């Protein structure tokens, strides 16, 4: 089995800007989540 990145947790000062970067800039699919200041993105092997 190949190793895969499953979860990365990052603390950021500007969540909106970071969310745009990972979603639009890197093209990671974002999962809808309500509640709190958090964004979830899918990485290979995550779901």
N, C-alpha and C. Protein backbone atom coordinates (compact mmCIF):
# COMPACT_ATOMS: atom_id res chain seq x y z
N UNK A 1 0.85 -1.18 0.00
CA UNK A 1 0.00 0.00 0.00
C UNK A 1 0.90 1.24 0.00
N UNK A 2 0.54 2.21 -0.82
CA UNK A 2 1.27 3.47 -0.88
C UNK A 2 0.82 4.37 0.28
N UNK A 3 1.77 5.10 0.88
CA UNK A 3 1.37 6.07 1.91
C UNK A 3 0.57 7.21 1.28
N UNK A 4 -0.41 7.71 2.01
CA UNK A 4 -1.24 8.82 1.53
C UNK A 4 -1.41 9.83 2.64
N UNK A 5 -1.54 11.08 2.27
CA UNK A 5 -1.88 12.11 3.24
C UNK A 5 -3.38 12.05 3.44
N UNK A 6 -3.78 11.88 4.68
CA UNK A 6 -5.20 11.77 4.97
C UNK A 6 -5.75 13.04 5.62
N UNK A 7 -5.01 13.62 6.53
CA UNK A 7 -5.49 14.81 7.23
C UNK A 7 -4.33 15.76 7.47
N UNK A 8 -4.57 17.03 7.21
CA UNK A 8 -3.63 18.09 7.55
C UNK A 8 -4.43 19.15 8.30
N UNK A 9 -3.92 19.57 9.42
CA UNK A 9 -4.57 20.62 10.20
C UNK A 9 -3.67 21.85 10.20
N UNK A 10 -4.23 22.98 9.76
CA UNK A 10 -3.46 24.22 9.71
C UNK A 10 -4.20 25.31 10.47
N UNK A 11 -3.49 26.05 11.26
CA UNK A 11 -4.04 27.24 11.88
C UNK A 11 -3.67 28.44 11.01
N UNK A 12 -4.64 29.25 10.63
CA UNK A 12 -4.37 30.40 9.75
C UNK A 12 -4.97 31.66 10.36
N UNK A 13 -4.38 32.79 10.02
CA UNK A 13 -4.88 34.07 10.50
C UNK A 13 -6.10 34.54 9.70
N UNK A 14 -6.16 34.18 8.43
CA UNK A 14 -7.24 34.63 7.55
C UNK A 14 -7.87 33.40 6.88
N UNK A 15 -8.92 32.86 7.51
CA UNK A 15 -9.54 31.62 7.02
C UNK A 15 -10.14 31.80 5.64
N UNK A 16 -10.78 32.91 5.38
CA UNK A 16 -11.40 33.15 4.06
C UNK A 16 -10.35 33.11 2.95
N UNK A 17 -9.24 33.78 3.18
CA UNK A 17 -8.16 33.80 2.18
C UNK A 17 -7.54 32.42 2.00
N UNK A 18 -7.31 31.71 3.08
CA UNK A 18 -6.73 30.36 3.00
C UNK A 18 -7.69 29.41 2.29
N UNK A 19 -8.98 29.54 2.56
CA UNK A 19 -9.98 28.69 1.91
C UNK A 19 -9.99 28.93 0.40
N UNK A 20 -9.91 30.19 -0.01
CA UNK A 20 -9.84 30.50 -1.45
C UNK A 20 -8.58 29.89 -2.06
N UNK A 21 -7.44 30.01 -1.38
CA UNK A 21 -6.18 29.48 -1.90
C UNK A 21 -6.26 27.97 -2.13
N UNK A 22 -6.71 27.23 -1.15
CA UNK A 22 -6.75 25.77 -1.28
C UNK A 22 -7.85 25.31 -2.24
N UNK A 23 -8.96 26.03 -2.26
CA UNK A 23 -10.07 25.65 -3.15
C UNK A 23 -9.86 26.09 -4.58
N UNK A 24 -9.64 27.38 -4.78
CA UNK A 24 -9.50 27.93 -6.13
C UNK A 24 -8.07 27.80 -6.65
N UNK A 25 -7.10 28.08 -5.81
CA UNK A 25 -5.70 28.06 -6.23
C UNK A 25 -5.16 26.66 -6.47
N UNK A 26 -5.43 25.75 -5.55
CA UNK A 26 -4.93 24.38 -5.69
C UNK A 26 -5.97 23.41 -6.26
N UNK A 27 -7.22 23.86 -6.33
CA UNK A 27 -8.27 23.02 -6.93
C UNK A 27 -8.75 21.88 -6.06
N UNK A 28 -8.57 21.98 -4.74
CA UNK A 28 -9.06 20.93 -3.86
C UNK A 28 -10.57 21.07 -3.67
N UNK A 29 -11.30 19.96 -3.74
CA UNK A 29 -12.75 20.03 -3.55
C UNK A 29 -13.08 20.30 -2.07
N UNK A 30 -13.91 21.31 -1.85
CA UNK A 30 -14.29 21.71 -0.49
C UNK A 30 -15.58 21.01 -0.10
N UNK A 31 -15.64 20.60 1.16
CA UNK A 31 -16.86 20.00 1.70
C UNK A 31 -17.63 21.05 2.47
N UNK A 32 -18.94 21.06 2.29
CA UNK A 32 -19.79 22.00 3.02
C UNK A 32 -19.83 21.60 4.49
N UNK A 33 -19.64 22.56 5.35
CA UNK A 33 -19.66 22.33 6.79
C UNK A 33 -20.15 23.60 7.45
N UNK A 34 -21.11 23.45 8.34
CA UNK A 34 -21.62 24.61 9.06
C UNK A 34 -21.20 24.54 10.52
N UNK A 35 -20.79 25.65 11.04
CA UNK A 35 -20.45 25.72 12.45
C UNK A 35 -18.97 25.97 12.67
N UNK A 36 -18.67 27.10 13.23
CA UNK A 36 -17.29 27.41 13.58
C UNK A 36 -16.47 27.93 12.43
N UNK A 37 -15.24 28.19 12.72
CA UNK A 37 -14.32 28.72 11.71
C UNK A 37 -13.42 27.59 11.24
N UNK A 38 -13.92 26.81 10.30
CA UNK A 38 -13.19 25.64 9.82
C UNK A 38 -13.57 25.35 8.38
N UNK A 39 -12.61 24.86 7.60
CA UNK A 39 -12.87 24.42 6.22
C UNK A 39 -12.32 23.02 6.06
N UNK A 40 -13.04 22.18 5.35
CA UNK A 40 -12.61 20.82 5.05
C UNK A 40 -12.42 20.67 3.55
N UNK A 41 -11.31 20.05 3.15
CA UNK A 41 -11.03 19.75 1.75
C UNK A 41 -10.71 18.27 1.62
N UNK A 42 -11.06 17.69 0.48
CA UNK A 42 -10.77 16.29 0.24
C UNK A 42 -9.35 16.11 -0.30
N UNK A 43 -8.65 15.16 0.27
CA UNK A 43 -7.36 14.73 -0.22
C UNK A 43 -7.50 13.27 -0.62
N UNK A 44 -6.65 12.79 -1.47
CA UNK A 44 -6.74 11.39 -1.88
C UNK A 44 -6.72 10.49 -0.64
N UNK A 45 -7.69 9.60 -0.59
CA UNK A 45 -7.77 8.68 0.53
C UNK A 45 -8.58 9.19 1.70
N UNK A 46 -9.06 10.46 1.63
CA UNK A 46 -9.80 11.00 2.76
C UNK A 46 -11.22 10.45 2.82
N UNK A 47 -11.90 10.40 1.66
CA UNK A 47 -13.28 9.93 1.65
C UNK A 47 -13.44 8.80 0.67
